[in-house]
N, C-alpha and C. Protein backbone atom coordinates (compact mmCIF):
# COMPACT_ATOMS: atom_id res chain seq x y z
N UNK A 1 -22.65 -2.58 19.91
CA UNK A 1 -23.85 -3.23 20.18
C UNK A 1 -24.76 -3.36 19.00
N UNK A 2 -24.45 -2.63 17.99
CA UNK A 2 -25.23 -2.60 16.69
C UNK A 2 -25.27 -3.92 16.04
N UNK A 3 -24.25 -4.78 16.27
CA UNK A 3 -24.26 -6.03 15.54
C UNK A 3 -25.16 -7.15 16.19
N UNK A 4 -25.59 -6.83 17.40
CA UNK A 4 -26.56 -7.79 18.00
C UNK A 4 -27.95 -7.53 17.35
N UNK A 5 -28.44 -8.61 16.80
CA UNK A 5 -29.82 -8.41 16.12
C UNK A 5 -30.85 -8.05 17.10
N UNK A 6 -31.81 -7.23 16.64
CA UNK A 6 -32.84 -6.74 17.52
C UNK A 6 -33.68 -7.84 18.19
N UNK A 7 -33.86 -8.97 17.48
CA UNK A 7 -34.60 -10.09 18.06
C UNK A 7 -33.75 -10.73 19.22
N UNK A 8 -32.46 -10.90 19.03
CA UNK A 8 -31.61 -11.43 20.02
C UNK A 8 -31.55 -10.53 21.29
N UNK A 9 -31.48 -9.17 21.04
CA UNK A 9 -31.52 -8.29 22.17
C UNK A 9 -32.74 -8.38 22.92
N UNK A 10 -33.93 -8.50 22.24
CA UNK A 10 -35.22 -8.66 22.93
C UNK A 10 -35.22 -9.97 23.75
N UNK A 11 -34.65 -11.02 23.12
CA UNK A 11 -34.58 -12.25 23.92
C UNK A 11 -33.81 -12.17 25.16
N UNK A 12 -32.67 -11.51 25.04
CA UNK A 12 -31.78 -11.29 26.21
C UNK A 12 -32.49 -10.49 27.29
N UNK A 13 -33.12 -9.42 26.84
CA UNK A 13 -33.88 -8.61 27.80
C UNK A 13 -34.98 -9.38 28.46
N UNK A 14 -35.64 -10.21 27.71
CA UNK A 14 -36.73 -11.08 28.25
C UNK A 14 -36.13 -12.03 29.31
N UNK A 15 -34.95 -12.56 29.08
CA UNK A 15 -34.27 -13.43 30.03
C UNK A 15 -33.95 -12.63 31.35
N UNK A 16 -33.37 -11.38 31.12
CA UNK A 16 -33.13 -10.56 32.26
C UNK A 16 -34.38 -10.29 33.06
N UNK A 17 -35.40 -9.99 32.39
CA UNK A 17 -36.71 -9.67 33.03
C UNK A 17 -37.29 -10.80 33.82
N UNK A 18 -37.05 -12.00 33.34
CA UNK A 18 -37.64 -13.16 33.98
C UNK A 18 -37.05 -13.37 35.37
N UNK A 19 -35.86 -12.74 35.69
CA UNK A 19 -35.24 -12.85 36.98
C UNK A 19 -35.24 -11.57 37.76
N UNK A 20 -36.17 -10.69 37.44
CA UNK A 20 -36.22 -9.40 38.08
C UNK A 20 -36.51 -9.45 39.55
N UNK A 21 -37.17 -10.46 39.99
CA UNK A 21 -37.62 -10.64 41.42
C UNK A 21 -36.56 -11.41 42.21
N UNK A 22 -35.49 -11.82 41.56
CA UNK A 22 -34.33 -12.50 42.29
C UNK A 22 -33.43 -11.53 43.02
N UNK A 23 -32.91 -11.87 44.16
CA UNK A 23 -32.03 -10.97 44.88
C UNK A 23 -30.69 -10.89 44.16
N UNK A 24 -30.22 -12.00 43.64
CA UNK A 24 -28.93 -12.11 42.96
C UNK A 24 -29.07 -12.91 41.66
N UNK A 25 -29.55 -12.16 40.67
CA UNK A 25 -29.95 -12.89 39.45
C UNK A 25 -28.84 -13.15 38.39
N UNK A 26 -27.59 -12.64 38.60
CA UNK A 26 -26.65 -12.67 37.53
C UNK A 26 -26.29 -14.05 37.07
N UNK A 27 -26.07 -15.02 37.96
CA UNK A 27 -25.61 -16.37 37.57
C UNK A 27 -26.79 -17.02 36.73
N UNK A 28 -27.98 -16.81 37.12
CA UNK A 28 -29.13 -17.44 36.42
C UNK A 28 -29.27 -16.80 35.06
N UNK A 29 -29.16 -15.45 34.98
CA UNK A 29 -29.21 -14.80 33.68
C UNK A 29 -28.10 -15.29 32.75
N UNK A 30 -26.88 -15.27 33.29
CA UNK A 30 -25.75 -15.73 32.39
C UNK A 30 -25.92 -17.15 31.98
N UNK A 31 -26.36 -18.07 32.90
CA UNK A 31 -26.54 -19.44 32.54
C UNK A 31 -27.56 -19.60 31.41
N UNK A 32 -28.64 -18.93 31.55
CA UNK A 32 -29.71 -19.02 30.50
C UNK A 32 -29.21 -18.43 29.18
N UNK A 33 -28.52 -17.34 29.24
CA UNK A 33 -28.00 -16.80 27.95
C UNK A 33 -26.99 -17.75 27.34
N UNK A 34 -26.06 -18.32 28.19
CA UNK A 34 -25.07 -19.23 27.70
C UNK A 34 -25.76 -20.45 27.10
N UNK A 35 -26.79 -21.03 27.72
CA UNK A 35 -27.50 -22.20 27.24
C UNK A 35 -28.19 -21.84 25.89
N UNK A 36 -28.66 -20.67 25.68
CA UNK A 36 -29.41 -20.30 24.53
C UNK A 36 -28.53 -20.02 23.36
N UNK A 37 -27.45 -19.24 23.61
CA UNK A 37 -26.57 -18.85 22.51
C UNK A 37 -25.26 -19.52 22.44
N UNK A 38 -24.84 -20.21 23.47
CA UNK A 38 -23.56 -20.92 23.49
C UNK A 38 -22.37 -20.15 23.89
N UNK A 39 -22.56 -18.77 24.03
CA UNK A 39 -21.48 -17.97 24.57
C UNK A 39 -22.02 -16.63 24.95
N UNK A 40 -21.19 -15.85 25.64
CA UNK A 40 -21.62 -14.52 26.21
C UNK A 40 -20.60 -13.49 25.78
N UNK A 41 -20.68 -12.90 24.61
CA UNK A 41 -19.71 -11.89 24.18
C UNK A 41 -19.94 -10.58 24.90
N UNK A 42 -18.96 -9.68 24.82
CA UNK A 42 -18.99 -8.44 25.47
C UNK A 42 -20.19 -7.59 25.15
N UNK A 43 -20.71 -7.65 23.92
CA UNK A 43 -21.91 -6.92 23.55
C UNK A 43 -23.13 -7.38 24.41
N UNK A 44 -23.20 -8.68 24.63
CA UNK A 44 -24.28 -9.18 25.35
C UNK A 44 -24.15 -8.80 26.82
N UNK A 45 -22.89 -8.88 27.33
CA UNK A 45 -22.67 -8.37 28.73
C UNK A 45 -23.11 -6.96 28.87
N UNK A 46 -22.87 -6.11 27.89
CA UNK A 46 -23.35 -4.71 28.00
C UNK A 46 -24.86 -4.61 28.06
N UNK A 47 -25.51 -5.42 27.29
CA UNK A 47 -26.99 -5.36 27.33
C UNK A 47 -27.47 -5.80 28.77
N UNK A 48 -26.86 -6.88 29.29
CA UNK A 48 -27.22 -7.34 30.63
C UNK A 48 -26.91 -6.27 31.65
N UNK A 49 -25.80 -5.59 31.52
CA UNK A 49 -25.37 -4.51 32.43
C UNK A 49 -26.43 -3.36 32.41
N UNK A 50 -26.81 -2.87 31.23
CA UNK A 50 -27.74 -1.78 31.16
C UNK A 50 -29.13 -2.21 31.73
N UNK A 51 -29.51 -3.44 31.54
CA UNK A 51 -30.82 -3.88 32.06
C UNK A 51 -30.85 -4.13 33.53
N UNK A 52 -29.72 -4.55 34.14
CA UNK A 52 -29.62 -4.87 35.53
C UNK A 52 -28.96 -3.85 36.40
N UNK A 53 -28.16 -3.00 35.82
CA UNK A 53 -27.44 -2.00 36.63
C UNK A 53 -26.13 -2.57 37.26
N UNK A 54 -25.89 -3.88 36.86
CA UNK A 54 -24.64 -4.51 37.34
C UNK A 54 -23.51 -4.07 36.38
N UNK A 55 -22.42 -3.60 36.86
CA UNK A 55 -21.34 -3.09 36.04
C UNK A 55 -20.83 -4.22 35.15
N UNK A 56 -20.44 -3.77 33.91
CA UNK A 56 -19.87 -4.74 32.94
C UNK A 56 -18.63 -5.41 33.50
N UNK A 57 -17.83 -4.69 34.23
CA UNK A 57 -16.60 -5.32 34.85
C UNK A 57 -16.96 -6.50 35.78
N UNK A 58 -18.04 -6.35 36.51
CA UNK A 58 -18.49 -7.41 37.35
C UNK A 58 -18.96 -8.55 36.56
N UNK A 59 -19.73 -8.35 35.51
CA UNK A 59 -20.27 -9.42 34.65
C UNK A 59 -19.17 -10.10 33.97
N UNK A 60 -18.16 -9.34 33.41
CA UNK A 60 -16.98 -9.94 32.72
C UNK A 60 -16.23 -10.81 33.68
N UNK A 61 -16.08 -10.32 34.92
CA UNK A 61 -15.38 -11.06 35.93
C UNK A 61 -16.00 -12.49 36.18
N UNK A 62 -17.27 -12.47 36.23
CA UNK A 62 -18.00 -13.77 36.45
C UNK A 62 -17.87 -14.65 35.23
N UNK A 63 -18.10 -14.06 34.02
CA UNK A 63 -17.98 -14.86 32.82
C UNK A 63 -16.63 -15.50 32.62
N UNK A 64 -15.58 -14.74 32.94
CA UNK A 64 -14.22 -15.24 32.78
C UNK A 64 -13.72 -16.15 33.93
N UNK A 65 -14.38 -16.08 35.08
CA UNK A 65 -14.03 -16.87 36.21
C UNK A 65 -14.45 -18.30 36.07
N UNK A 66 -15.72 -18.45 35.66
CA UNK A 66 -16.28 -19.75 35.62
C UNK A 66 -16.14 -20.39 34.30
N UNK A 67 -15.57 -21.66 34.24
CA UNK A 67 -15.18 -22.26 32.97
C UNK A 67 -16.33 -22.64 32.13
N UNK A 68 -17.55 -22.74 32.68
CA UNK A 68 -18.76 -23.12 31.82
C UNK A 68 -19.35 -21.95 31.08
N UNK A 69 -18.84 -20.77 31.34
CA UNK A 69 -19.20 -19.59 30.50
C UNK A 69 -18.10 -19.38 29.50
N UNK A 70 -18.50 -18.87 28.36
CA UNK A 70 -17.52 -18.67 27.25
C UNK A 70 -17.74 -17.30 26.60
N UNK A 71 -16.70 -16.63 26.24
CA UNK A 71 -16.65 -15.40 25.54
C UNK A 71 -16.85 -15.57 24.01
N UNK A 72 -16.45 -16.81 23.58
CA UNK A 72 -16.47 -17.11 22.11
C UNK A 72 -17.37 -18.33 21.88
N UNK A 73 -17.85 -18.43 20.64
CA UNK A 73 -18.69 -19.61 20.39
C UNK A 73 -17.88 -20.94 20.54
N UNK A 74 -18.46 -21.93 21.01
CA UNK A 74 -17.77 -23.24 21.21
C UNK A 74 -18.23 -24.18 19.98
N UNK A 75 -17.43 -25.23 19.81
CA UNK A 75 -17.65 -26.21 18.77
C UNK A 75 -18.92 -27.00 19.06
N UNK A 76 -19.32 -27.65 18.08
CA UNK A 76 -20.51 -28.60 18.28
C UNK A 76 -20.21 -29.66 19.29
N UNK A 77 -18.96 -30.07 19.28
CA UNK A 77 -18.52 -31.07 20.28
C UNK A 77 -17.44 -30.42 21.18
N UNK A 78 -17.74 -30.32 22.44
CA UNK A 78 -16.83 -29.75 23.39
C UNK A 78 -16.15 -30.88 24.15
N UNK A 79 -14.90 -30.97 23.91
CA UNK A 79 -14.03 -32.06 24.49
C UNK A 79 -13.49 -31.48 25.81
N UNK A 80 -13.98 -31.96 27.00
CA UNK A 80 -13.49 -31.53 28.20
C UNK A 80 -12.50 -32.58 28.77
N UNK A 81 -11.25 -32.19 28.85
CA UNK A 81 -10.22 -33.06 29.36
C UNK A 81 -9.97 -32.67 30.81
N UNK A 82 -10.23 -33.62 31.73
CA UNK A 82 -10.02 -33.34 33.15
C UNK A 82 -8.51 -33.38 33.43
N UNK A 83 -8.05 -32.26 33.99
CA UNK A 83 -6.68 -32.15 34.47
C UNK A 83 -6.54 -32.06 35.93
N UNK A 84 -7.55 -32.51 36.63
CA UNK A 84 -7.48 -32.55 38.10
C UNK A 84 -6.40 -33.56 38.52
N UNK A 85 -6.01 -33.52 39.75
CA UNK A 85 -4.90 -34.33 40.22
C UNK A 85 -4.98 -35.77 39.84
N UNK A 86 -6.00 -36.45 40.14
CA UNK A 86 -6.13 -37.93 39.78
C UNK A 86 -5.97 -38.22 38.32
N UNK A 87 -6.55 -37.35 37.51
CA UNK A 87 -6.43 -37.50 36.07
C UNK A 87 -5.07 -37.08 35.59
N UNK A 88 -4.57 -36.07 36.08
CA UNK A 88 -3.26 -35.51 35.67
C UNK A 88 -2.14 -36.61 35.92
N UNK A 89 -2.13 -37.19 37.15
CA UNK A 89 -1.09 -38.22 37.43
C UNK A 89 -1.19 -39.44 36.62
N UNK A 90 -2.35 -39.66 36.00
CA UNK A 90 -2.58 -40.91 35.22
C UNK A 90 -2.46 -40.63 33.72
N UNK A 91 -1.97 -39.38 33.33
CA UNK A 91 -1.67 -39.19 31.92
C UNK A 91 -2.61 -38.20 31.19
N UNK A 92 -3.47 -37.49 31.87
CA UNK A 92 -4.42 -36.63 31.24
C UNK A 92 -3.76 -35.51 30.34
N UNK A 93 -2.63 -35.05 30.81
CA UNK A 93 -1.97 -33.98 30.01
C UNK A 93 -1.60 -34.51 28.61
N UNK A 94 -1.16 -35.71 28.56
CA UNK A 94 -0.78 -36.37 27.34
C UNK A 94 -1.98 -36.54 26.42
N UNK A 95 -3.06 -36.90 27.07
CA UNK A 95 -4.37 -37.11 26.28
C UNK A 95 -4.77 -35.71 25.69
N UNK A 96 -4.70 -34.65 26.63
CA UNK A 96 -5.06 -33.34 26.10
C UNK A 96 -4.14 -32.91 24.99
N UNK A 97 -2.86 -33.16 25.09
CA UNK A 97 -1.91 -32.84 24.05
C UNK A 97 -2.16 -33.48 22.76
N UNK A 98 -2.59 -34.77 22.80
CA UNK A 98 -2.91 -35.53 21.59
C UNK A 98 -4.15 -35.01 20.91
N UNK A 99 -5.22 -34.62 21.72
CA UNK A 99 -6.41 -33.98 21.06
C UNK A 99 -5.90 -32.64 20.41
N UNK A 100 -5.07 -31.88 21.12
CA UNK A 100 -4.63 -30.60 20.51
C UNK A 100 -3.79 -30.84 19.24
N UNK A 101 -2.97 -31.83 19.26
CA UNK A 101 -2.09 -32.15 18.10
C UNK A 101 -3.01 -32.58 16.86
N UNK A 102 -3.97 -33.48 17.13
CA UNK A 102 -4.77 -33.99 16.07
C UNK A 102 -5.70 -33.00 15.53
N UNK A 103 -6.30 -32.12 16.42
CA UNK A 103 -7.24 -31.10 15.94
C UNK A 103 -6.64 -29.81 15.60
N UNK A 104 -5.33 -29.69 15.84
CA UNK A 104 -4.55 -28.47 15.49
C UNK A 104 -5.10 -27.23 16.24
N UNK A 105 -5.49 -27.39 17.47
CA UNK A 105 -6.00 -26.31 18.29
C UNK A 105 -5.47 -26.52 19.70
N UNK A 106 -5.42 -25.44 20.51
CA UNK A 106 -5.01 -25.48 21.87
C UNK A 106 -6.29 -25.53 22.70
N UNK A 107 -6.14 -25.90 24.03
CA UNK A 107 -7.34 -25.80 24.92
C UNK A 107 -7.83 -24.37 24.91
N UNK A 108 -9.19 -24.30 24.92
CA UNK A 108 -9.81 -23.06 24.84
C UNK A 108 -10.12 -22.58 23.36
N UNK A 109 -9.64 -23.25 22.39
CA UNK A 109 -9.83 -22.90 21.00
C UNK A 109 -10.86 -23.82 20.31
N UNK A 110 -11.38 -23.41 19.21
CA UNK A 110 -12.29 -24.21 18.40
C UNK A 110 -11.74 -24.41 17.05
N UNK A 111 -11.96 -25.62 16.43
CA UNK A 111 -11.54 -25.87 15.09
C UNK A 111 -12.19 -24.97 14.09
N UNK A 112 -11.51 -24.72 12.93
CA UNK A 112 -12.04 -23.79 11.92
C UNK A 112 -13.38 -24.24 11.37
N UNK A 113 -13.65 -25.55 11.41
CA UNK A 113 -14.92 -26.13 10.88
C UNK A 113 -15.98 -25.96 11.98
N UNK A 114 -15.70 -25.51 13.14
CA UNK A 114 -16.67 -25.32 14.16
C UNK A 114 -17.14 -26.58 14.86
N UNK A 115 -16.46 -27.73 14.55
CA UNK A 115 -16.90 -29.02 15.12
C UNK A 115 -16.41 -29.22 16.53
N UNK A 116 -15.13 -28.90 16.87
CA UNK A 116 -14.51 -29.22 18.11
C UNK A 116 -13.93 -28.09 18.91
N UNK A 117 -14.19 -28.09 20.15
CA UNK A 117 -13.54 -27.16 21.08
C UNK A 117 -12.90 -28.06 22.10
N UNK A 118 -11.69 -27.69 22.58
CA UNK A 118 -10.99 -28.45 23.69
C UNK A 118 -11.03 -27.52 24.92
N UNK A 119 -11.51 -28.08 26.03
CA UNK A 119 -11.51 -27.38 27.22
C UNK A 119 -10.70 -28.13 28.29
N UNK A 120 -9.71 -27.51 28.87
CA UNK A 120 -8.96 -28.14 29.93
C UNK A 120 -9.70 -27.88 31.23
N UNK A 121 -10.19 -28.91 31.95
CA UNK A 121 -10.97 -28.76 33.08
C UNK A 121 -10.22 -29.14 34.36
N UNK A 122 -10.63 -28.59 35.45
CA UNK A 122 -9.86 -28.83 36.70
C UNK A 122 -10.40 -29.98 37.57
N UNK A 123 -11.45 -30.48 37.38
CA UNK A 123 -11.96 -31.72 38.03
C UNK A 123 -13.39 -31.96 37.57
N UNK A 124 -13.71 -33.09 37.07
CA UNK A 124 -15.08 -33.37 36.66
C UNK A 124 -15.71 -34.43 37.64
N UNK A 125 -15.01 -34.69 38.73
CA UNK A 125 -15.54 -35.58 39.71
C UNK A 125 -15.58 -37.06 39.29
N UNK A 126 -14.71 -37.45 38.40
CA UNK A 126 -14.64 -38.80 37.88
C UNK A 126 -13.29 -39.45 38.23
N UNK A 127 -12.78 -39.15 39.44
CA UNK A 127 -11.48 -39.66 39.86
C UNK A 127 -11.32 -41.08 39.78
N UNK A 128 -12.33 -41.85 40.05
CA UNK A 128 -12.25 -43.30 40.06
C UNK A 128 -12.02 -43.92 38.68
N UNK A 129 -12.29 -43.15 37.67
CA UNK A 129 -12.15 -43.60 36.22
C UNK A 129 -11.10 -42.84 35.51
N UNK A 130 -10.17 -42.26 36.31
CA UNK A 130 -9.11 -41.33 35.72
C UNK A 130 -8.16 -42.08 34.82
N UNK A 131 -7.72 -41.34 33.75
CA UNK A 131 -8.10 -40.04 33.37
C UNK A 131 -9.42 -40.06 32.59
N UNK A 132 -10.17 -38.98 32.79
CA UNK A 132 -11.49 -38.93 32.18
C UNK A 132 -11.58 -37.73 31.19
N UNK A 133 -12.37 -37.99 30.17
CA UNK A 133 -12.65 -36.97 29.17
C UNK A 133 -14.16 -37.00 28.97
N UNK A 134 -14.77 -35.82 28.82
CA UNK A 134 -16.20 -35.72 28.52
C UNK A 134 -16.41 -34.93 27.24
N UNK A 135 -17.27 -35.50 26.41
CA UNK A 135 -17.61 -34.81 25.17
C UNK A 135 -19.16 -34.66 25.20
N UNK A 136 -19.52 -33.33 25.33
CA UNK A 136 -20.98 -33.03 25.39
C UNK A 136 -21.75 -33.87 26.40
N UNK A 137 -21.14 -34.08 27.52
CA UNK A 137 -21.77 -34.80 28.66
C UNK A 137 -21.47 -36.32 28.66
N UNK A 138 -20.98 -36.90 27.58
CA UNK A 138 -20.66 -38.33 27.53
C UNK A 138 -19.21 -38.47 28.11
N UNK A 139 -19.06 -39.33 29.10
CA UNK A 139 -17.82 -39.49 29.74
C UNK A 139 -17.02 -40.68 29.16
N UNK A 140 -15.79 -40.43 28.89
CA UNK A 140 -14.90 -41.47 28.38
C UNK A 140 -13.94 -41.82 29.53
N UNK A 141 -14.05 -43.00 30.19
CA UNK A 141 -13.24 -43.36 31.31
C UNK A 141 -11.82 -43.97 30.86
N UNK A 142 -10.92 -43.81 31.79
CA UNK A 142 -9.55 -44.32 31.56
C UNK A 142 -8.98 -44.13 30.24
N UNK A 143 -8.99 -42.79 29.86
CA UNK A 143 -8.58 -42.42 28.50
C UNK A 143 -7.01 -42.70 28.29
N UNK A 144 -6.65 -42.98 27.11
CA UNK A 144 -5.26 -43.10 26.79
C UNK A 144 -5.09 -42.28 25.47
N UNK A 145 -3.83 -42.01 25.23
CA UNK A 145 -3.48 -41.31 23.96
C UNK A 145 -3.87 -42.12 22.75
N UNK A 146 -3.80 -43.49 22.86
CA UNK A 146 -4.13 -44.37 21.74
C UNK A 146 -5.65 -44.31 21.34
N UNK A 147 -6.48 -43.90 22.33
CA UNK A 147 -7.93 -43.85 22.01
C UNK A 147 -8.34 -42.58 21.33
N UNK A 148 -7.52 -41.54 21.45
CA UNK A 148 -7.90 -40.26 20.90
C UNK A 148 -8.24 -40.26 19.40
N UNK A 149 -7.45 -40.90 18.52
CA UNK A 149 -7.82 -40.89 17.08
C UNK A 149 -9.18 -41.52 16.85
N UNK A 150 -9.47 -42.54 17.52
CA UNK A 150 -10.75 -43.30 17.33
C UNK A 150 -11.92 -42.44 17.73
N UNK A 151 -11.76 -41.70 18.84
CA UNK A 151 -12.87 -40.85 19.33
C UNK A 151 -13.09 -39.73 18.36
N UNK A 152 -12.04 -39.10 17.89
CA UNK A 152 -12.16 -37.98 16.89
C UNK A 152 -12.89 -38.48 15.63
N UNK A 153 -12.49 -39.74 15.23
CA UNK A 153 -13.05 -40.30 13.97
C UNK A 153 -14.50 -40.60 14.18
N UNK A 154 -14.87 -41.04 15.40
CA UNK A 154 -16.29 -41.32 15.74
C UNK A 154 -17.22 -40.14 15.49
N UNK A 155 -16.70 -38.91 16.03
CA UNK A 155 -17.48 -37.70 15.88
C UNK A 155 -17.39 -37.14 14.44
N UNK A 156 -16.29 -37.30 13.78
CA UNK A 156 -16.22 -36.83 12.38
C UNK A 156 -17.15 -37.70 11.49
N UNK A 157 -17.18 -38.99 11.78
CA UNK A 157 -18.05 -39.84 10.99
C UNK A 157 -19.53 -39.50 11.20
N UNK A 158 -19.84 -39.05 12.38
CA UNK A 158 -21.22 -38.64 12.74
C UNK A 158 -21.59 -37.44 11.89
N UNK A 159 -20.59 -36.70 11.41
CA UNK A 159 -20.79 -35.48 10.59
C UNK A 159 -20.69 -35.78 9.07
N UNK A 160 -20.71 -37.04 8.73
CA UNK A 160 -20.68 -37.43 7.31
C UNK A 160 -19.31 -37.69 6.82
N UNK A 161 -18.39 -38.01 7.76
CA UNK A 161 -17.01 -38.35 7.39
C UNK A 161 -16.03 -37.20 6.97
N UNK A 162 -16.35 -36.03 7.46
CA UNK A 162 -15.46 -34.90 7.20
C UNK A 162 -14.06 -35.25 7.77
N UNK A 163 -13.06 -34.96 7.00
CA UNK A 163 -11.73 -35.28 7.39
C UNK A 163 -11.16 -34.28 8.39
């Protein structure tokens, strides 16, 4: 826990304190911490546990169960590839594989430059435009393998053309 900066620890404790009157505050606390820091490492879970009395095992179980929480920092651009049934049968796995191939990472991993993370999602509710991919909330409908290089280039160009 010594690697968590004192300021960050105070921020986390303030978040916990802001939900002290809630009957079941854990999801709200974790959501706010995730939004603020981008991930919830074990050290932070221990701080939350100490402050709330909720066992670390319970907190860890929640963090690892829900895909919107992360134990590791995510990239600037989070590529969510929907692998729900409608998207899967229309080629979403091949789209996911193409992102992985081009970025040289697997789902759940982040590129070395910190730009991209690939998340394999189980349904984003966009079945009518399957297969769907979302990047930081922007949805790309009817994705194909052929569109992947152009999309990656678009985001790399936004970063000043990094290869």
